[in-house]
Amino acid sequence: MPDYANDPAIKNLQAYLRIKSVHPNINYDECIDYLKRQASELGLPAVVYEVVPKKPILIMTWEGLEPSLPSILLNSHMDVVPVFEKSWNYPPFEARIVNDIIYARGVQDMKSVGIQYIEAIRRLKNKGTRLKRTVHLSFVPDEEVGGRQGLGTFVKTEHFKKLNVGFALDEGLASAEDYLVVYNGERTIWHVSVICPGKSGHGSLLLPDNNGEKIRYIIDKFMDLRQESKKKLESDPELTIGDVTSVNLTILRGGIQNNIIPEKLVASFDIRLALSVNLDDFENMIKQWCKEAGDGVTYEFEQKDEYVPPTSVDETNVYWTAFKTALDQINIGVKVRTFPGGTDSRYVRLEGVPALGMSPLRRVQSALHEHNESLPASVFLEGIAVYEAVLPAIANV
């Protein structure tokens, strides 16, 4: 039996997992110190940028033989989501190994991937491998709260432009199957609130201009759209959640007392728009619903992302061809899908850089944000071998 507890790569992962970079109000100093030590061990320069105060971004750089060529970016985020410790079987920041399975917050999302990058480069350097293109490893903050003050801001700076990134890898999701899932695009995130004003008065009356009637109309329209997406998924087994528009009613606000009709009611929706949706048409539909719902109904956005074209996964993308060939050579299949949520990849794609999302974790259930987030040690180690094969392929294009 493998001695996972004493494997240097796994011990390295455990050390990273034990850093409590958990929301809210994260102090990233311990992460940065840890990553600087990793860079030093690898013999790589590391630079820390703090474009937004207390939101550091660390870049490790493995210079290529032809550094003028566009570089490869390996991105990962340092932050993890909160935990409900009483619901965990083991302390979430202890990184305990039980029956060869590592239990820890962030072990799938996505500290394992960050360490897989590091360990793959360690193996390649130990073999004396040199790559044509420069490889940058970026460790970024705040992805779990949208990433706008992390990579979202950094990609707009001269610091990022000087990295001369030609292709990027970022996180994906674990696959329960024998194949890996690669994500070449993401749905567009809209968080919209619909405000329904009306005549306030006593709760015993049937007053005109009623905001309850208005908000029911709005909710019905959005829930009808939700049902359409559910039917699409149920009718076509080839579709996944990333292929349809998801709609969820997430917040209802209004009212001060049960016998008083309030001045307004507000319904908020989380909408993830499929890549096939025309965004202007969709917003016009919301406008029309508001008009039909009654006088004074308006909407506003808490978040309104723009459309980001997906990365090509055909022969026009030489990085994709090299990536896919490398996986074929180690007998690992891939399926390409649209990511169901949001990752930092969208910020890179928005700058015109092709990017793929992949967590090289197969034959394991996805456990992002769940209690008892875990990962078999063998799956983590296989992921290192995946990057050991993929990095030379894409960096030597």
Protein backbone atom coordinates (compact mmCIF):
# COMPACT_ATOMS: atom_id res chain seq x y z
CA MET A 1 0.00 0.00 0.00
CA PRO A 2 1.30 3.50 -0.78
CA ASP A 3 2.45 5.51 2.21
CA TYR A 4 0.40 8.62 1.41
CA ALA A 5 0.97 10.23 4.80
CA ASN A 6 4.69 10.53 4.09
CA ASP A 7 4.48 11.46 0.42
CA PRO A 8 6.24 14.86 0.04
CA ALA A 9 3.65 16.22 -2.41
CA ILE A 10 0.79 15.28 -0.13
CA LYS A 11 2.53 16.76 2.90
CA ASN A 12 2.98 19.93 0.85
CA LEU A 13 -0.74 19.97 0.06
CA GLN A 14 -1.61 19.45 3.71
CA ALA A 15 0.53 22.41 4.73
CA TYR A 16 -1.35 24.65 2.27
CA LEU A 17 -4.75 23.33 3.36
CA ARG A 18 -3.96 24.13 7.00
CA ILE A 19 -3.72 27.83 6.21
CA LYS A 20 -7.13 29.28 7.10
CA SER A 21 -7.64 31.50 4.08
CA VAL A 22 -11.36 31.38 4.69
CA HIS A 23 -13.96 34.08 4.09
CA PRO A 24 -14.84 36.60 5.34
CA ASN A 25 -12.04 39.14 5.95
CA ILE A 26 -9.10 36.99 4.89
CA ASN A 27 -5.54 37.87 5.82
CA TYR A 28 -3.50 36.39 2.96
CA ASP A 29 -0.09 36.92 4.59
CA GLU A 30 0.36 33.28 5.60
CA CYS A 31 -0.54 32.08 2.09
CA ILE A 32 1.92 34.50 0.52
CA ASP A 33 4.72 33.48 2.88
CA TYR A 34 4.05 29.81 2.16
CA LEU A 35 4.04 30.34 -1.61
CA LYS A 36 7.24 32.39 -1.47
CA ARG A 37 8.91 29.41 0.22
CA GLN A 38 7.59 27.14 -2.52
CA ALA A 39 9.01 29.41 -5.20
CA SER A 40 12.36 29.48 -3.41
CA GLU A 41 12.48 25.68 -3.26
CA LEU A 42 11.74 25.53 -6.99
CA GLY A 43 14.36 28.16 -7.75
CA LEU A 44 11.73 30.43 -9.28
CA PRO A 45 11.37 34.19 -8.81
CA ALA A 46 8.14 35.28 -7.13
CA VAL A 47 6.64 38.76 -7.27
CA VAL A 48 3.70 39.99 -5.19
CA TYR A 49 1.37 42.64 -6.61
CA GLU A 50 -1.18 44.43 -4.45
CA VAL A 51 -3.29 46.40 -6.91
CA VAL A 52 -6.13 46.36 -4.38
CA PRO A 53 -5.01 46.80 -0.74
CA LYS A 54 -4.90 43.52 1.21
CA LYS A 55 -5.70 41.54 -1.96
CA PRO A 56 -2.23 40.26 -2.95
CA ILE A 57 -1.50 38.34 -6.14
CA LEU A 58 1.65 36.24 -6.25
CA ILE A 59 3.25 35.35 -9.58
CA MET A 60 5.90 32.62 -9.82
CA THR A 61 7.75 32.52 -13.11
CA TRP A 62 9.57 29.67 -14.84
CA GLU A 63 11.30 31.39 -17.71
CA GLY A 64 11.27 29.59 -21.05
CA LEU A 65 14.01 29.12 -23.60
CA GLU A 66 12.21 31.63 -25.86
CA PRO A 67 10.79 34.16 -23.38
CA SER A 68 9.63 36.51 -26.12
CA LEU A 69 6.91 34.00 -27.07
CA PRO A 70 3.45 34.37 -25.50
CA SER A 71 3.50 32.68 -22.10
CA ILE A 72 1.40 30.08 -20.32
CA LEU A 73 -0.58 31.09 -17.21
CA LEU A 74 -1.52 28.56 -14.53
CA ASN A 75 -4.07 30.26 -12.29
CA SER A 76 -5.42 29.22 -8.92
CA HIS A 77 -7.12 31.02 -6.05
CA MET A 78 -5.94 31.04 -2.44
CA ASP A 79 -9.30 31.65 -0.76
CA VAL A 80 -11.85 29.10 0.41
CA VAL A 81 -15.50 29.34 1.40
CA PRO A 82 -16.71 29.31 5.02
CA VAL A 83 -17.36 26.10 6.96
CA PHE A 84 -19.94 24.84 9.43
CA GLU A 85 -17.49 22.97 11.63
CA LYS A 86 -20.14 21.05 13.57
CA SER A 87 -21.22 19.40 10.32
CA TRP A 88 -17.72 18.06 9.56
CA ASN A 89 -16.52 14.62 10.63
CA TYR A 90 -12.97 15.97 10.98
CA PRO A 91 -11.64 19.48 11.63
CA PRO A 92 -11.85 21.24 8.23
CA PHE A 93 -8.40 22.85 8.48
CA GLU A 94 -6.53 19.87 9.87
CA ALA A 95 -6.16 18.14 6.46
CA ARG A 96 -6.50 14.74 8.08
CA ILE A 97 -5.98 11.59 5.99
CA VAL A 98 -8.49 8.83 6.75
CA ASN A 99 -8.47 5.64 4.67
CA ASP A 100 -6.21 7.39 2.15
CA ILE A 101 -8.71 10.24 1.71
CA ILE A 102 -7.77 13.84 2.55
CA TYR A 103 -10.48 15.83 4.33
CA ALA A 104 -10.16 19.61 4.27
CA ARG A 105 -11.86 22.77 3.11
CA GLY A 106 -10.34 23.71 -0.23
CA VAL A 107 -8.96 20.27 -1.08
CA GLN A 108 -11.01 20.28 -4.30
CA ASP A 109 -11.70 24.00 -4.61
CA MET A 110 -8.91 24.61 -5.40
CA LYS A 111 -5.77 24.32 -3.32
CA SER A 112 -5.08 20.85 -4.69
CA VAL A 113 -4.76 22.29 -8.19
CA GLY A 114 -2.34 25.00 -7.06
CA ILE A 115 -0.10 22.36 -5.48
CA GLN A 116 -0.43 20.10 -8.53
CA TYR A 117 1.01 22.93 -10.64
CA ILE A 118 3.92 23.31 -8.22
CA GLU A 119 4.64 19.60 -7.92
CA ALA A 120 4.45 19.03 -11.70
CA ILE A 121 7.01 21.80 -12.23
CA ARG A 122 9.17 20.31 -9.48
CA ARG A 123 9.16 16.95 -11.29
CA LEU A 124 9.91 18.53 -14.67
CA LYS A 125 12.78 20.61 -13.29
CA ASN A 126 14.21 17.60 -11.46
CA LYS A 127 14.30 15.77 -14.81
CA GLY A 128 16.17 18.67 -16.37
CA THR A 129 13.24 19.64 -18.60
CA ARG A 130 13.31 23.05 -20.24
CA LEU A 131 10.25 24.55 -21.91
CA LYS A 132 10.11 26.86 -24.89
CA ARG A 133 7.54 29.24 -23.44
CA THR A 134 7.62 30.94 -20.07
CA VAL A 135 5.18 29.55 -17.51
CA HIS A 136 3.63 31.85 -14.90
CA LEU A 137 1.82 30.54 -11.83
CA SER A 138 -0.67 33.03 -10.43
CA PHE A 139 -2.11 32.70 -6.95
CA VAL A 140 -5.01 35.09 -6.56
CA PRO A 141 -7.43 36.25 -3.83
CA ASP A 142 -11.19 36.50 -3.51
CA GLU A 143 -12.33 34.22 -6.33
CA GLU A 144 -15.01 32.85 -4.02
CA VAL A 145 -16.61 36.30 -3.75
CA GLY A 146 -16.51 37.06 -7.47
CA GLY A 147 -12.82 37.80 -8.07
CA ARG A 148 -13.33 41.40 -9.11
CA GLN A 149 -10.78 42.71 -6.61
CA GLY A 150 -8.44 39.84 -7.44
CA LEU A 151 -7.75 38.65 -10.96
CA GLY A 152 -10.60 40.79 -12.30
CA THR A 153 -8.63 43.93 -11.44
CA PHE A 154 -5.18 42.49 -12.13
CA VAL A 155 -5.89 41.64 -15.79
CA LYS A 156 -6.48 45.35 -16.46
CA THR A 157 -2.99 46.33 -15.27
CA GLU A 158 0.33 46.74 -17.04
CA HIS A 159 1.68 44.05 -14.70
CA PHE A 160 -0.59 41.50 -16.37
CA LYS A 161 0.08 42.77 -19.87
CA LYS A 162 3.83 42.35 -19.31
CA LEU A 163 3.26 38.67 -18.57
CA ASN A 164 2.39 38.34 -22.28
CA VAL A 165 -0.05 35.50 -21.65
CA GLY A 166 -1.00 33.46 -24.71
CA PHE A 167 -2.96 30.68 -23.03
CA ALA A 168 -4.27 29.98 -19.52
CA LEU A 169 -5.42 27.08 -17.39
CA ASP A 170 -7.69 27.50 -14.38
CA GLU A 171 -10.02 25.42 -12.24
CA GLY A 172 -12.78 23.09 -13.33
CA LEU A 173 -14.79 20.47 -11.46
CA ALA A 174 -14.04 16.93 -10.36
CA SER A 175 -15.44 14.22 -12.63
CA ALA A 176 -17.10 11.07 -11.31
CA GLU A 177 -16.31 9.32 -14.60
CA ASP A 178 -13.12 7.91 -16.14
CA TYR A 179 -12.68 11.07 -18.21
CA LEU A 180 -11.80 14.62 -17.21
CA VAL A 181 -14.16 17.49 -17.93
CA VAL A 182 -12.66 20.59 -19.54
CA TYR A 183 -14.57 23.87 -19.50
CA ASN A 184 -14.04 26.27 -22.40
CA GLY A 185 -16.61 28.88 -21.43
CA GLU A 186 -18.99 30.11 -18.76
CA ARG A 187 -22.56 31.30 -18.66
CA THR A 188 -23.14 35.02 -18.17
CA ILE A 189 -24.05 35.96 -14.59
CA TRP A 190 -26.88 38.44 -14.00
CA HIS A 191 -28.24 39.25 -10.54
CA VAL A 192 -31.36 41.32 -11.04
CA SER A 193 -33.94 42.78 -8.64
CA VAL A 194 -37.45 43.72 -9.76
CA ILE A 195 -39.07 46.51 -7.73
CA CYS A 196 -42.85 46.52 -7.54
CA PRO A 197 -44.37 49.68 -6.00
CA GLY A 198 -48.03 49.98 -5.07
CA LYS A 199 -50.67 51.72 -2.99
CA SER A 200 -50.04 51.30 0.72
CA GLY A 201 -52.90 50.90 3.14
CA HIS A 202 -54.77 48.65 5.54
CA GLY A 203 -54.35 44.93 5.04
CA SER A 204 -58.14 44.38 5.20
CA LEU A 205 -58.81 46.27 1.95
CA LEU A 206 -58.64 45.34 -1.73
CA LEU A 207 -56.87 48.50 -2.84
CA PRO A 208 -56.03 49.17 -6.50
CA ASP A 209 -52.46 49.31 -7.81
CA ASN A 210 -51.46 46.31 -5.68
CA ASN A 211 -47.78 45.37 -5.53
CA GLY A 212 -48.62 41.80 -4.54
CA GLU A 213 -50.33 41.27 -7.88
CA LYS A 214 -47.39 42.88 -9.67
CA ILE A 215 -44.74 40.76 -7.98
CA ARG A 216 -46.76 37.59 -8.58
CA TYR A 217 -46.79 38.39 -12.30
CA ILE A 218 -43.01 38.91 -12.30
CA ILE A 219 -42.28 35.75 -10.30
CA ASP A 220 -44.55 33.72 -12.58
CA LYS A 221 -42.70 34.93 -15.66
CA PHE A 222 -39.28 34.07 -14.26
CA MET A 223 -40.47 30.70 -12.91
CA ASP A 224 -42.04 29.83 -16.28
CA LEU A 225 -38.64 30.48 -17.85
CA ARG A 226 -37.08 28.26 -15.18
CA GLN A 227 -39.49 25.45 -16.10
CA GLU A 228 -38.52 25.76 -19.77
CA SER A 229 -34.88 25.17 -18.86
CA LYS A 230 -35.77 22.19 -16.67
CA LYS A 231 -37.73 20.65 -19.54
CA LYS A 232 -34.80 21.15 -21.92
CA LEU A 233 -32.48 19.33 -19.54
CA GLU A 234 -34.95 16.50 -18.96
CA SER A 235 -35.63 16.02 -22.67
CA ASP A 236 -32.00 15.82 -23.82
CA PRO A 237 -29.55 13.67 -21.80
CA GLU A 238 -26.64 15.19 -23.73
CA LEU A 239 -27.29 18.61 -22.18
CA THR A 240 -25.76 19.71 -18.88
CA ILE A 241 -26.69 22.62 -16.62
CA GLY A 242 -24.09 24.79 -18.38
CA ASP A 243 -26.04 24.48 -21.64
CA VAL A 244 -29.24 26.12 -20.40
CA THR A 245 -30.22 29.34 -18.67
CA SER A 246 -30.78 28.84 -14.95
CA VAL A 247 -33.17 31.09 -13.01
CA ASN A 248 -33.58 31.11 -9.24
CA LEU A 249 -35.60 33.36 -6.98
CA THR A 250 -33.12 34.11 -4.20
CA ILE A 251 -34.43 37.08 -2.16
CA LEU A 252 -37.89 38.51 -1.37
CA ARG A 253 -38.05 41.85 0.41
CA GLY A 254 -40.84 44.13 1.64
CA GLY A 255 -43.37 44.76 4.35
CA ILE A 256 -43.22 46.12 7.89
CA GLN A 257 -46.30 44.63 9.55
CA ASN A 258 -48.81 41.94 8.63
CA ASN A 259 -51.85 44.24 8.49
CA ILE A 260 -50.17 46.94 6.39
CA ILE A 261 -49.91 46.74 2.61
CA PRO A 262 -46.32 47.90 1.96
CA GLU A 263 -45.24 50.63 -0.43
CA LYS A 264 -43.16 48.17 -2.44
CA LEU A 265 -42.12 44.55 -2.79
CA VAL A 266 -38.84 43.41 -4.32
CA ALA A 267 -37.90 40.06 -5.86
CA SER A 268 -34.27 39.23 -6.65
CA PHE A 269 -33.16 36.57 -9.10
CA ASP A 270 -29.89 34.78 -9.82
CA ILE A 271 -29.75 34.23 -13.58
CA ARG A 272 -26.98 32.37 -15.44
CA LEU A 273 -27.47 32.96 -19.16
CA ALA A 274 -26.57 30.24 -21.63
CA LEU A 275 -23.98 31.17 -24.23
CA SER A 276 -26.66 30.91 -26.93
CA VAL A 277 -28.80 33.69 -25.40
CA ASN A 278 -28.82 37.17 -26.94
CA LEU A 279 -28.32 39.44 -23.93
CA ASP A 280 -30.07 42.47 -25.44
CA ASP A 281 -33.13 40.39 -26.28
CA PHE A 282 -33.18 38.93 -22.79
CA GLU A 283 -33.06 42.33 -21.10
CA ASN A 284 -35.78 43.60 -23.41
CA MET A 285 -37.91 40.66 -22.29
CA ILE A 286 -37.44 41.69 -18.66
CA LYS A 287 -38.42 45.26 -19.59
CA GLN A 288 -41.57 43.97 -21.24
CA TRP A 289 -42.50 41.86 -18.22
CA CYS A 290 -42.11 44.89 -15.96
CA LYS A 291 -44.38 46.91 -18.24
CA GLU A 292 -46.99 44.16 -18.27
CA ALA A 293 -46.83 43.70 -14.48
CA GLY A 294 -48.22 47.17 -13.79
CA ASP A 295 -47.49 50.82 -13.18
CA GLY A 296 -44.04 51.76 -11.91
CA VAL A 297 -42.44 48.30 -11.97
CA THR A 298 -38.69 48.64 -12.56
CA TYR A 299 -35.59 46.49 -12.37
CA GLU A 300 -31.95 47.01 -11.41
CA PHE A 301 -28.81 44.90 -11.55
CA GLU A 302 -26.58 43.99 -8.62
CA GLN A 303 -24.35 42.17 -11.12
CA LYS A 304 -24.49 42.30 -14.89
CA ASP A 305 -21.60 40.51 -16.52
CA GLU A 306 -20.97 40.94 -20.20
CA TYR A 307 -20.90 38.12 -22.71
CA VAL A 308 -17.50 36.42 -22.85
CA PRO A 309 -16.86 34.28 -25.96
CA PRO A 310 -15.84 30.70 -25.21
CA THR A 311 -12.38 29.41 -26.04
CA SER A 312 -12.16 27.48 -29.32
CA VAL A 313 -11.62 23.75 -28.97
CA ASP A 314 -10.73 22.84 -32.53
CA GLU A 315 -7.71 22.86 -34.83
CA THR A 316 -7.73 26.69 -34.93
CA ASN A 317 -6.47 26.67 -31.32
CA VAL A 318 -2.96 25.18 -31.29
CA TYR A 319 -2.93 25.14 -27.48
CA TRP A 320 -6.08 23.03 -27.40
CA THR A 321 -4.60 20.61 -29.94
CA ALA A 322 -1.44 20.22 -27.85
CA PHE A 323 -3.47 19.89 -24.63
CA LYS A 324 -5.76 17.21 -26.07
CA THR A 325 -2.88 15.28 -27.65
CA ALA A 326 -1.02 15.18 -24.33
CA LEU A 327 -4.04 13.71 -22.56
CA ASP A 328 -4.56 11.18 -25.36
CA GLN A 329 -0.98 10.01 -24.90
CA ILE A 330 -1.57 9.20 -21.23
CA ASN A 331 -4.91 7.55 -22.07
CA ILE A 332 -7.14 10.07 -20.31
CA GLY A 333 -10.27 11.11 -22.16
CA VAL A 334 -11.88 14.54 -21.96
CA LYS A 335 -15.30 16.03 -22.49
CA VAL A 336 -15.76 19.73 -23.18
CA ARG A 337 -18.53 21.58 -21.40
CA THR A 338 -19.66 25.04 -20.36
CA PHE A 339 -18.90 25.78 -16.72
CA PRO A 340 -22.14 26.05 -14.69
CA GLY A 341 -20.92 28.77 -12.33
CA GLY A 342 -18.29 31.47 -12.53
CA THR A 343 -14.49 31.28 -12.27
CA ASP A 344 -11.61 33.67 -12.82
CA SER A 345 -11.26 32.26 -16.34
CA ARG A 346 -13.82 34.75 -17.58
CA TYR A 347 -11.54 37.68 -16.77
CA VAL A 348 -8.71 36.16 -18.77
CA ARG A 349 -10.99 35.34 -21.73
CA LEU A 350 -12.35 38.88 -21.63
CA GLU A 351 -8.81 40.09 -22.34
CA GLY A 352 -8.73 37.93 -25.48
CA VAL A 353 -6.64 35.14 -23.94
CA PRO A 354 -7.84 31.57 -24.62
CA ALA A 355 -8.42 29.74 -21.34
CA LEU A 356 -9.56 26.29 -20.25
CA GLY A 357 -10.85 25.25 -16.87
CA MET A 358 -9.72 21.84 -15.64
CA SER A 359 -9.32 20.26 -12.24
CA PRO A 360 -7.50 16.98 -13.02
CA LEU A 361 -9.62 15.00 -10.56
CA ARG A 362 -11.46 12.01 -12.00
CA ARG A 363 -13.33 9.02 -10.59
CA VAL A 364 -14.41 11.17 -7.66
CA GLN A 365 -17.59 13.06 -6.81
CA SER A 366 -17.45 16.83 -6.94
CA ALA A 367 -17.64 18.22 -3.39
CA LEU A 368 -17.13 21.96 -3.83
CA HIS A 369 -18.42 24.01 -0.89
CA GLU A 370 -19.82 20.89 0.81
CA HIS A 371 -19.38 19.66 4.37
CA ASN A 372 -16.55 17.10 4.56
CA GLU A 373 -14.95 18.26 1.32
CA SER A 374 -12.49 15.50 0.48
CA LEU A 375 -10.18 14.01 -2.13
CA PRO A 376 -8.52 10.60 -2.42
CA ALA A 377 -4.75 10.96 -2.17
CA SER A 378 -4.32 8.81 -5.28
CA VAL A 379 -6.51 11.19 -7.31
CA PHE A 380 -4.44 14.17 -6.20
CA LEU A 381 -1.21 12.42 -7.22
CA GLU A 382 -2.60 11.42 -10.62
CA GLY A 383 -3.40 15.10 -11.22
CA ILE A 384 0.27 15.95 -10.83
CA ALA A 385 1.10 13.43 -13.57
CA VAL A 386 -1.56 15.03 -15.77
CA TYR A 387 0.11 18.44 -15.54
CA GLU A 388 3.52 16.82 -15.94
CA ALA A 389 2.29 15.66 -19.36
CA VAL A 390 0.24 18.71 -20.32
CA LEU A 391 2.68 21.51 -19.42
CA PRO A 392 5.46 20.54 -21.82
CA ALA A 393 2.90 20.05 -24.58
CA ILE A 394 1.29 23.50 -24.31
CA ALA A 395 4.51 25.32 -23.40
CA ASN A 396 6.35 23.92 -26.41
CA VAL A 397 3.70 24.91 -28.96
